[in-house]
Amino acid sequence: MRHPLTAAAAGAAALAIAAGAAVPFGPAGSEPPPILVEPLTPRGQFTDDVTMQLRVKPEGRATGVINVQQPSRTVVARITVQPGAQFPWHTHPGPVVANVTTGELTYVYADDCVHRPYPSGTVFIDPGHGNVHTAYNSSDDVTIVMATFFEAPAEGSLTVPADAPADCEVGTATHEH
């Protein structure tokens, strides 16, 4: 059963990510949005010739090799995720390096449905390139992630919406908000 905040979070996150901008706060005293995406840098490019290849082996998965075709196209964003909030299922044009600075974010690949928690002080890499996934705040506190997106398009969304897998149940029903 999905947590009631999940649908609201999915909608807010989809809007924030699709627009590439932050979800604004409402009037003073109102509740913060379930997921707030704040770009910290404009879309930048390296001035030097840069080649990038990443090897990633999340627990329980084979090593993946990511050849980053346009590493110089980057964006850095601060993502604030309220307790119980879940991102809609999606992918990214390129890899994303995610530094969890506060709280805990649980990451779920669509193809194996394993819930992998990343607590404060940890970093993980989302491979992008069609890797469908979701993530949710699995803690009772606000989670903050500093995300560096590689191969960001020159303009437009940093995410590509995807259908939820039929056989993967995700939710954080322990949180009440």
N, C-alpha and C. Protein backbone atom coordinates (compact mmCIF):
# COMPACT_ATOMS: atom_id res chain seq x y z
N MET A 1 0.84 -1.17 0.00
CA MET A 1 0.00 0.00 0.00
C MET A 1 0.89 1.23 0.00
N ARG A 2 0.60 2.18 -0.85
CA ARG A 2 1.41 3.38 -0.95
C ARG A 2 1.08 4.35 0.17
N HIS A 3 2.08 5.05 0.62
CA HIS A 3 1.92 6.08 1.63
C HIS A 3 1.20 7.26 0.98
N PRO A 4 0.29 7.94 1.68
CA PRO A 4 -0.46 9.04 1.08
C PRO A 4 0.44 10.15 0.55
N LEU A 5 1.59 10.35 1.16
CA LEU A 5 2.49 11.40 0.72
C LEU A 5 3.18 11.04 -0.58
N THR A 6 3.21 9.74 -0.92
CA THR A 6 3.91 9.29 -2.12
C THR A 6 3.35 9.93 -3.38
N ALA A 7 2.04 9.95 -3.53
CA ALA A 7 1.45 10.55 -4.74
C ALA A 7 1.74 12.03 -4.81
N ALA A 8 1.64 12.72 -3.69
CA ALA A 8 1.94 14.15 -3.68
C ALA A 8 3.41 14.38 -3.98
N ALA A 9 4.27 13.57 -3.41
CA ALA A 9 5.70 13.71 -3.66
C ALA A 9 6.02 13.46 -5.12
N ALA A 10 5.40 12.45 -5.68
CA ALA A 10 5.65 12.13 -7.08
C ALA A 10 5.26 13.30 -7.97
N GLY A 11 4.12 13.88 -7.71
CA GLY A 11 3.69 15.02 -8.52
C GLY A 11 4.61 16.22 -8.35
N ALA A 12 4.94 16.55 -7.12
CA ALA A 12 5.81 17.70 -6.87
C ALA A 12 7.19 17.47 -7.44
N ALA A 13 7.72 16.27 -7.26
CA ALA A 13 9.06 15.97 -7.78
C ALA A 13 9.07 16.00 -9.29
N ALA A 14 8.04 15.45 -9.90
CA ALA A 14 7.98 15.45 -11.36
C ALA A 14 7.97 16.87 -11.89
N LEU A 15 7.18 17.74 -11.26
CA LEU A 15 7.14 19.13 -11.69
C LEU A 15 8.48 19.81 -11.47
N ALA A 16 9.07 19.61 -10.31
CA ALA A 16 10.34 20.26 -10.00
C ALA A 16 11.45 19.79 -10.92
N ILE A 17 11.51 18.50 -11.13
CA ILE A 17 12.57 17.95 -11.96
C ILE A 17 12.34 18.31 -13.42
N ALA A 18 11.10 18.22 -13.89
CA ALA A 18 10.81 18.55 -15.28
C ALA A 18 11.12 20.00 -15.57
N ALA A 19 10.85 20.87 -14.63
CA ALA A 19 11.10 22.29 -14.84
C ALA A 19 12.56 22.63 -14.62
N GLY A 20 13.29 21.74 -13.94
CA GLY A 20 14.69 22.01 -13.65
C GLY A 20 14.83 23.13 -12.63
N ALA A 21 13.81 23.34 -11.83
CA ALA A 21 13.83 24.42 -10.86
C ALA A 21 13.25 23.95 -9.55
N ALA A 22 13.34 24.80 -8.56
CA ALA A 22 12.83 24.46 -7.24
C ALA A 22 11.31 24.57 -7.19
N VAL A 23 10.71 23.76 -6.33
CA VAL A 23 9.29 23.91 -6.05
C VAL A 23 9.21 25.01 -5.00
N PRO A 24 8.49 26.09 -5.27
CA PRO A 24 8.46 27.20 -4.32
C PRO A 24 7.69 26.84 -3.05
N PHE A 25 8.08 27.46 -1.96
CA PHE A 25 7.34 27.30 -0.73
C PHE A 25 6.09 28.15 -0.80
N GLY A 26 5.07 27.72 -0.10
CA GLY A 26 3.82 28.48 -0.08
C GLY A 26 3.91 29.62 0.91
N PRO A 27 2.76 30.14 1.34
CA PRO A 27 2.73 31.24 2.30
C PRO A 27 3.42 30.86 3.60
N ALA A 28 3.84 31.86 4.34
CA ALA A 28 4.51 31.62 5.62
C ALA A 28 3.67 30.68 6.48
N GLY A 29 4.34 29.73 7.10
CA GLY A 29 3.65 28.78 7.96
C GLY A 29 3.11 27.56 7.24
N SER A 30 3.19 27.52 5.91
CA SER A 30 2.69 26.36 5.17
C SER A 30 3.72 25.24 5.21
N GLU A 31 3.27 24.05 4.91
CA GLU A 31 4.13 22.89 4.89
C GLU A 31 5.11 22.98 3.72
N PRO A 32 6.34 22.51 3.89
CA PRO A 32 7.27 22.49 2.77
C PRO A 32 6.83 21.45 1.74
N PRO A 33 7.27 21.60 0.49
CA PRO A 33 6.90 20.60 -0.52
C PRO A 33 7.55 19.26 -0.17
N PRO A 34 6.96 18.14 -0.59
CA PRO A 34 7.54 16.83 -0.28
C PRO A 34 8.98 16.69 -0.80
N ILE A 35 9.23 17.22 -2.00
CA ILE A 35 10.58 17.19 -2.58
C ILE A 35 10.86 18.55 -3.19
N LEU A 36 11.98 19.15 -2.78
CA LEU A 36 12.38 20.46 -3.28
C LEU A 36 13.71 20.30 -4.02
N VAL A 37 13.74 20.67 -5.29
CA VAL A 37 14.95 20.58 -6.11
C VAL A 37 15.43 22.00 -6.37
N GLU A 38 16.64 22.31 -5.88
CA GLU A 38 17.20 23.65 -6.03
C GLU A 38 18.50 23.58 -6.84
N PRO A 39 18.48 23.99 -8.10
CA PRO A 39 19.73 24.02 -8.86
C PRO A 39 20.70 24.99 -8.20
N LEU A 40 21.94 24.55 -7.99
CA LEU A 40 22.95 25.39 -7.36
C LEU A 40 23.90 25.98 -8.39
N THR A 41 23.94 25.38 -9.57
CA THR A 41 24.82 25.88 -10.63
C THR A 41 24.03 25.93 -11.93
N PRO A 42 24.44 26.79 -12.84
CA PRO A 42 23.87 26.71 -14.18
C PRO A 42 24.46 25.48 -14.87
N ARG A 43 23.95 25.14 -16.02
CA ARG A 43 24.50 24.01 -16.77
C ARG A 43 25.87 24.42 -17.28
N GLY A 44 26.88 23.72 -16.78
CA GLY A 44 28.26 24.10 -17.08
C GLY A 44 28.96 23.11 -17.97
N GLN A 45 30.09 23.57 -18.48
CA GLN A 45 30.93 22.71 -19.33
C GLN A 45 32.38 22.86 -18.89
N PHE A 46 33.12 21.74 -18.89
CA PHE A 46 34.55 21.80 -18.62
C PHE A 46 35.23 22.58 -19.73
N THR A 47 36.26 23.33 -19.38
CA THR A 47 37.03 24.03 -20.42
C THR A 47 38.12 23.12 -20.98
N ASP A 48 38.43 22.05 -20.26
CA ASP A 48 39.45 21.09 -20.70
C ASP A 48 38.80 19.90 -21.39
N ASP A 49 39.61 19.13 -22.12
CA ASP A 49 39.13 17.89 -22.74
C ASP A 49 39.04 16.85 -21.63
N VAL A 50 37.85 16.35 -21.35
CA VAL A 50 37.64 15.42 -20.24
C VAL A 50 36.99 14.15 -20.76
N THR A 51 37.53 13.03 -20.33
CA THR A 51 36.95 11.72 -20.63
C THR A 51 36.57 11.10 -19.29
N MET A 52 35.42 10.42 -19.25
CA MET A 52 34.99 9.84 -17.98
C MET A 52 34.42 8.44 -18.20
N GLN A 53 34.89 7.53 -17.36
CA GLN A 53 34.32 6.19 -17.32
C GLN A 53 34.18 5.82 -15.85
N LEU A 54 33.01 5.33 -15.48
CA LEU A 54 32.75 4.93 -14.10
C LEU A 54 32.48 3.44 -14.04
N ARG A 55 32.98 2.80 -13.01
CA ARG A 55 32.66 1.40 -12.73
C ARG A 55 31.92 1.39 -11.41
N VAL A 56 30.71 0.85 -11.45
CA VAL A 56 29.85 0.90 -10.28
C VAL A 56 29.37 -0.52 -9.96
N LYS A 57 29.50 -0.91 -8.68
CA LYS A 57 29.03 -2.22 -8.26
C LYS A 57 28.23 -2.08 -6.97
N PRO A 58 26.94 -1.75 -7.10
CA PRO A 58 26.10 -1.72 -5.90
C PRO A 58 25.98 -3.13 -5.30
N GLU A 59 25.76 -3.18 -4.01
CA GLU A 59 25.63 -4.47 -3.33
C GLU A 59 24.58 -5.34 -4.03
N GLY A 60 24.97 -6.59 -4.34
CA GLY A 60 24.05 -7.54 -4.95
C GLY A 60 23.89 -7.40 -6.45
N ARG A 61 24.66 -6.54 -7.09
CA ARG A 61 24.56 -6.33 -8.54
C ARG A 61 25.92 -6.54 -9.18
N ALA A 62 25.91 -6.84 -10.46
CA ALA A 62 27.16 -6.97 -11.22
C ALA A 62 27.76 -5.58 -11.41
N THR A 63 29.05 -5.54 -11.65
CA THR A 63 29.72 -4.28 -11.93
C THR A 63 29.23 -3.73 -13.26
N GLY A 64 28.85 -2.47 -13.24
CA GLY A 64 28.42 -1.79 -14.45
C GLY A 64 29.48 -0.79 -14.87
N VAL A 65 29.70 -0.69 -16.16
CA VAL A 65 30.65 0.28 -16.70
C VAL A 65 29.84 1.37 -17.40
N ILE A 66 30.08 2.59 -17.01
CA ILE A 66 29.36 3.73 -17.58
C ILE A 66 30.35 4.58 -18.36
N ASN A 67 30.17 4.64 -19.65
CA ASN A 67 30.98 5.51 -20.50
C ASN A 67 30.22 6.82 -20.66
N VAL A 68 30.77 7.88 -20.10
CA VAL A 68 30.10 9.17 -20.12
C VAL A 68 30.55 9.91 -21.38
N GLN A 69 29.62 10.09 -22.31
CA GLN A 69 29.93 10.67 -23.61
C GLN A 69 30.17 12.17 -23.54
N GLN A 70 29.41 12.89 -22.75
CA GLN A 70 29.54 14.35 -22.63
C GLN A 70 29.69 14.74 -21.15
N PRO A 71 30.82 14.37 -20.51
CA PRO A 71 30.93 14.65 -19.07
C PRO A 71 30.93 16.13 -18.74
N SER A 72 31.24 16.97 -19.70
CA SER A 72 31.35 18.39 -19.38
C SER A 72 29.99 19.06 -19.18
N ARG A 73 28.93 18.43 -19.53
CA ARG A 73 27.61 19.02 -19.35
C ARG A 73 27.10 18.64 -17.96
N THR A 74 27.29 19.55 -16.99
CA THR A 74 26.96 19.24 -15.60
C THR A 74 25.98 20.24 -15.00
N VAL A 75 25.30 19.79 -13.97
CA VAL A 75 24.44 20.63 -13.13
C VAL A 75 24.57 20.07 -11.71
N VAL A 76 24.65 20.96 -10.73
CA VAL A 76 24.64 20.54 -9.34
C VAL A 76 23.35 21.06 -8.72
N ALA A 77 22.66 20.18 -7.97
CA ALA A 77 21.40 20.55 -7.33
C ALA A 77 21.37 20.05 -5.89
N ARG A 78 20.71 20.81 -5.06
CA ARG A 78 20.43 20.39 -3.68
C ARG A 78 19.00 19.89 -3.69
N ILE A 79 18.81 18.66 -3.22
CA ILE A 79 17.47 18.06 -3.22
C ILE A 79 17.08 17.79 -1.77
N THR A 80 15.99 18.39 -1.34
CA THR A 80 15.49 18.21 0.01
C THR A 80 14.25 17.33 -0.06
N VAL A 81 14.30 16.21 0.67
CA VAL A 81 13.24 15.21 0.62
C VAL A 81 12.64 15.06 2.02
N GLN A 82 11.35 15.34 2.13
CA GLN A 82 10.67 15.23 3.42
C GLN A 82 10.49 13.76 3.80
N PRO A 83 10.34 13.46 5.10
CA PRO A 83 10.12 12.07 5.53
C PRO A 83 8.95 11.44 4.78
N GLY A 84 9.17 10.25 4.25
CA GLY A 84 8.13 9.51 3.54
C GLY A 84 7.96 9.87 2.09
N ALA A 85 8.56 10.94 1.61
CA ALA A 85 8.40 11.36 0.21
C ALA A 85 9.16 10.44 -0.72
N GLN A 86 8.57 10.16 -1.88
CA GLN A 86 9.15 9.26 -2.87
C GLN A 86 9.20 9.96 -4.23
N PHE A 87 10.33 9.81 -4.94
CA PHE A 87 10.44 10.29 -6.31
C PHE A 87 9.62 9.39 -7.23
N PRO A 88 9.05 9.95 -8.28
CA PRO A 88 8.40 9.09 -9.27
C PRO A 88 9.47 8.25 -9.98
N TRP A 89 9.06 7.15 -10.59
CA TRP A 89 9.99 6.31 -11.34
C TRP A 89 10.52 7.12 -12.52
N HIS A 90 11.85 7.05 -12.73
CA HIS A 90 12.46 7.84 -13.79
C HIS A 90 13.86 7.33 -14.11
N THR A 91 14.51 7.97 -15.08
CA THR A 91 15.91 7.74 -15.40
C THR A 91 16.52 9.12 -15.68
N HIS A 92 17.81 9.15 -15.98
CA HIS A 92 18.51 10.40 -16.30
C HIS A 92 19.28 10.21 -17.59
N PRO A 93 19.55 11.32 -18.32
CA PRO A 93 20.34 11.20 -19.55
C PRO A 93 21.76 10.65 -19.30
N GLY A 94 22.34 10.97 -18.17
CA GLY A 94 23.68 10.50 -17.83
C GLY A 94 23.75 10.16 -16.35
N PRO A 95 24.95 9.82 -15.87
CA PRO A 95 25.08 9.44 -14.46
C PRO A 95 24.89 10.62 -13.52
N VAL A 96 24.53 10.29 -12.28
CA VAL A 96 24.34 11.28 -11.23
C VAL A 96 25.12 10.79 -10.01
N VAL A 97 25.97 11.66 -9.47
CA VAL A 97 26.68 11.36 -8.22
C VAL A 97 25.87 12.02 -7.12
N ALA A 98 25.38 11.21 -6.17
CA ALA A 98 24.48 11.69 -5.12
C ALA A 98 25.15 11.58 -3.75
N ASN A 99 25.39 12.73 -3.12
CA ASN A 99 25.97 12.79 -1.78
C ASN A 99 24.84 13.02 -0.79
N VAL A 100 24.60 12.05 0.08
CA VAL A 100 23.56 12.19 1.10
C VAL A 100 24.20 12.92 2.28
N THR A 101 23.77 14.17 2.52
CA THR A 101 24.40 14.98 3.56
C THR A 101 23.63 14.96 4.88
N THR A 102 22.33 14.70 4.80
CA THR A 102 21.47 14.67 5.98
C THR A 102 20.40 13.62 5.78
N GLY A 103 20.07 12.89 6.85
CA GLY A 103 19.00 11.90 6.75
C GLY A 103 19.42 10.62 6.07
N GLU A 104 18.48 10.00 5.35
CA GLU A 104 18.74 8.74 4.66
C GLU A 104 17.85 8.68 3.41
N LEU A 105 18.44 8.23 2.31
CA LEU A 105 17.68 8.05 1.07
C LEU A 105 17.79 6.58 0.67
N THR A 106 16.67 5.96 0.39
CA THR A 106 16.66 4.57 -0.06
C THR A 106 16.42 4.56 -1.56
N TYR A 107 17.32 3.91 -2.27
CA TYR A 107 17.34 3.87 -3.74
C TYR A 107 16.87 2.49 -4.19
N VAL A 108 16.00 2.44 -5.22
CA VAL A 108 15.44 1.17 -5.70
C VAL A 108 15.56 1.11 -7.22
N TYR A 109 16.34 0.14 -7.73
CA TYR A 109 16.40 -0.12 -9.17
C TYR A 109 15.11 -0.84 -9.58
N ALA A 110 14.54 -0.48 -10.71
CA ALA A 110 13.31 -1.12 -11.18
C ALA A 110 13.53 -2.59 -11.53
N ASP A 111 14.72 -2.95 -11.98
CA ASP A 111 14.95 -4.31 -12.46
C ASP A 111 15.21 -5.33 -11.36
N ASP A 112 15.50 -4.88 -10.11
CA ASP A 112 15.67 -5.88 -9.04
C ASP A 112 14.86 -5.58 -7.79
N CYS A 113 14.32 -4.38 -7.67
CA CYS A 113 13.44 -3.98 -6.58
C CYS A 113 14.07 -4.14 -5.19
N VAL A 114 15.39 -4.11 -5.11
CA VAL A 114 16.06 -4.17 -3.81
C VAL A 114 16.15 -2.75 -3.27
N HIS A 115 15.76 -2.58 -2.01
CA HIS A 115 15.79 -1.27 -1.36
C HIS A 115 17.18 -1.11 -0.73
N ARG A 116 17.96 -0.15 -1.27
CA ARG A 116 19.33 0.09 -0.81
C ARG A 116 19.38 1.43 -0.08
N PRO A 117 19.50 1.39 1.27
CA PRO A 117 19.54 2.65 2.02
C PRO A 117 20.93 3.29 1.98
N TYR A 118 20.95 4.61 1.84
CA TYR A 118 22.18 5.40 1.88
C TYR A 118 22.01 6.46 2.96
N PRO A 119 22.66 6.26 4.12
CA PRO A 119 22.53 7.23 5.21
C PRO A 119 23.44 8.45 5.00
N SER A 120 23.23 9.44 5.84
CA SER A 120 24.04 10.65 5.82
C SER A 120 25.53 10.29 5.81
N GLY A 121 26.29 10.99 4.98
CA GLY A 121 27.73 10.74 4.89
C GLY A 121 28.11 9.73 3.84
N THR A 122 27.14 9.20 3.09
CA THR A 122 27.45 8.24 2.03
C THR A 122 27.17 8.87 0.66
N VAL A 123 27.76 8.25 -0.35
CA VAL A 123 27.62 8.71 -1.72
C VAL A 123 27.27 7.50 -2.58
N PHE A 124 26.40 7.69 -3.57
CA PHE A 124 26.13 6.62 -4.52
C PHE A 124 26.05 7.20 -5.91
N ILE A 125 26.16 6.33 -6.91
CA ILE A 125 26.09 6.76 -8.30
C ILE A 125 24.88 6.13 -8.96
N ASP A 126 24.05 6.99 -9.53
CA ASP A 126 22.94 6.53 -10.37
C ASP A 126 23.51 6.47 -11.78
N PRO A 127 23.47 5.31 -12.44
CA PRO A 127 24.09 5.17 -13.76
C PRO A 127 23.46 5.99 -14.88
N GLY A 128 22.19 6.40 -14.72
CA GLY A 128 21.53 7.10 -15.82
C GLY A 128 21.41 6.18 -17.02
N HIS A 129 21.37 6.75 -18.23
CA HIS A 129 21.37 5.97 -19.48
C HIS A 129 20.28 4.91 -19.51
N GLY A 130 19.08 5.24 -19.07
CA GLY A 130 17.98 4.29 -19.13
C GLY A 130 17.79 3.44 -17.89
N ASN A 131 18.61 3.62 -16.87
CA ASN A 131 18.47 2.88 -15.62
C ASN A 131 17.25 3.43 -14.86
N VAL A 132 16.14 2.72 -14.90
CA VAL A 132 14.91 3.18 -14.26
C VAL A 132 14.99 2.89 -12.76
N HIS A 133 14.60 3.88 -11.97
CA HIS A 133 14.69 3.75 -10.52
C HIS A 133 13.73 4.73 -9.84
N THR A 134 13.63 4.56 -8.53
CA THR A 134 12.97 5.52 -7.66
C THR A 134 13.83 5.63 -6.41
N ALA A 135 13.50 6.56 -5.55
CA ALA A 135 14.17 6.71 -4.26
C ALA A 135 13.17 7.35 -3.31
N TYR A 136 13.35 7.10 -2.02
CA TYR A 136 12.46 7.69 -1.04
C TYR A 136 13.20 7.97 0.25
N ASN A 137 12.68 8.91 1.02
CA ASN A 137 13.25 9.24 2.31
C ASN A 137 12.77 8.20 3.30
N SER A 138 13.69 7.36 3.72
CA SER A 138 13.36 6.26 4.63
C SER A 138 13.60 6.61 6.09
N SER A 139 13.90 7.88 6.36
CA SER A 139 14.14 8.28 7.74
C SER A 139 12.97 9.10 8.28
N ASP A 140 13.04 9.42 9.55
CA ASP A 140 12.01 10.26 10.17
C ASP A 140 12.40 11.73 10.11
N ASP A 141 13.54 12.02 9.49
CA ASP A 141 14.04 13.38 9.38
C ASP A 141 14.10 13.80 7.92
N VAL A 142 14.27 15.09 7.70
CA VAL A 142 14.47 15.60 6.35
C VAL A 142 15.77 15.03 5.80
N THR A 143 15.76 14.64 4.53
CA THR A 143 16.96 14.15 3.86
C THR A 143 17.41 15.20 2.85
N ILE A 144 18.70 15.46 2.84
CA ILE A 144 19.27 16.39 1.87
C ILE A 144 20.33 15.66 1.06
N VAL A 145 20.20 15.79 -0.27
CA VAL A 145 21.14 15.15 -1.20
C VAL A 145 21.72 16.24 -2.09
N MET A 146 23.03 16.24 -2.23
CA MET A 146 23.71 17.12 -3.19
C MET A 146 24.00 16.25 -4.40
N ALA A 147 23.37 16.58 -5.53
CA ALA A 147 23.47 15.74 -6.72
C ALA A 147 24.19 16.47 -7.85
N THR A 148 25.17 15.77 -8.44
CA THR A 148 25.87 16.29 -9.61
C THR A 148 25.44 15.45 -10.80
N PHE A 149 24.78 16.09 -11.75
CA PHE A 149 24.27 15.43 -12.95
C PHE A 149 25.29 15.60 -14.07
N PHE A 150 25.70 14.52 -14.70
CA PHE A 150 26.59 14.55 -15.87
C PHE A 150 25.76 14.26 -17.11
N GLU A 151 26.23 14.72 -18.26
CA GLU A 151 25.53 14.58 -19.54
C GLU A 151 24.16 15.26 -19.50
N ALA A 152 24.09 16.35 -18.74
CA ALA A 152 22.83 17.10 -18.67
C ALA A 152 22.55 17.71 -20.04
N PRO A 153 21.31 17.69 -20.47
CA PRO A 153 20.99 18.35 -21.74
C PRO A 153 21.23 19.86 -21.62
N ALA A 154 21.44 20.53 -22.73
CA ALA A 154 21.70 21.97 -22.72
C ALA A 154 20.56 22.74 -22.06
N GLU A 155 19.35 22.23 -22.18
CA GLU A 155 18.18 22.82 -21.51
C GLU A 155 17.13 21.74 -21.33
N GLY A 156 16.14 22.04 -20.51
CA GLY A 156 15.07 21.07 -20.29
C GLY A 156 15.32 20.20 -19.08
N SER A 157 14.57 19.13 -18.99
CA SER A 157 14.55 18.25 -17.83
C SER A 157 15.84 17.47 -17.63
N LEU A 158 16.16 17.24 -16.36
CA LEU A 158 17.29 16.39 -15.99
C LEU A 158 16.85 14.96 -15.78
N THR A 159 15.55 14.70 -15.91
CA THR A 159 15.01 13.36 -15.74
C THR A 159 14.12 12.99 -16.91
N VAL A 160 13.95 11.68 -17.06
CA VAL A 160 13.06 11.13 -18.07
C VAL A 160 12.06 10.25 -17.32
N PRO A 161 10.77 10.61 -17.30
CA PRO A 161 9.79 9.79 -16.58
C PRO A 161 9.75 8.37 -17.13
N ALA A 162 9.43 7.42 -16.26
CA ALA A 162 9.35 6.01 -16.65
C ALA A 162 8.18 5.36 -15.92
N ASP A 163 7.68 4.28 -16.50
CA ASP A 163 6.60 3.52 -15.86
C ASP A 163 7.14 2.73 -14.67
N ALA A 164 6.33 2.63 -13.64
CA ALA A 164 6.69 1.81 -12.49
C ALA A 164 6.65 0.35 -12.89
N PRO A 165 7.61 -0.44 -12.42
CA PRO A 165 7.56 -1.87 -12.71
C PRO A 165 6.36 -2.51 -12.00
N ALA A 166 5.75 -3.47 -12.65
CA ALA A 166 4.54 -4.09 -12.10
C ALA A 166 4.82 -4.92 -10.85
N ASP A 167 6.03 -5.42 -10.72
CA ASP A 167 6.33 -6.36 -9.64
C ASP A 167 7.21 -5.78 -8.53
N CYS A 168 7.19 -4.45 -8.36
CA CYS A 168 8.04 -3.82 -7.35
C CYS A 168 7.20 -2.90 -6.48
N GLU A 169 7.01 -3.27 -5.24
CA GLU A 169 6.24 -2.48 -4.29
C GLU A 169 7.19 -1.56 -3.52
N VAL A 170 6.94 -0.27 -3.60
CA VAL A 170 7.76 0.70 -2.89
C VAL A 170 6.83 1.58 -2.08
N GLY A 171 7.20 1.83 -0.86
CA GLY A 171 6.41 2.72 -0.01
C GLY A 171 7.06 2.82 1.34
N THR A 172 6.68 3.82 2.06
CA THR A 172 7.23 4.05 3.40
C THR A 172 6.09 4.21 4.38
N ALA A 173 5.27 3.19 4.50
CA ALA A 173 4.04 3.26 5.29
C ALA A 173 4.26 3.50 6.77
N THR A 174 5.52 3.49 7.25
CA THR A 174 5.75 3.71 8.67
C THR A 174 5.68 5.18 9.04
N HIS A 175 5.71 6.10 8.06
CA HIS A 175 5.69 7.52 8.35
C HIS A 175 4.27 8.06 8.32
N GLU A 176 3.93 8.92 9.27
CA GLU A 176 2.61 9.54 9.28
C GLU A 176 2.77 11.04 9.16
N HIS A 177 2.16 11.63 8.13
CA HIS A 177 2.24 13.09 7.93
C HIS A 177 0.93 13.59 7.40
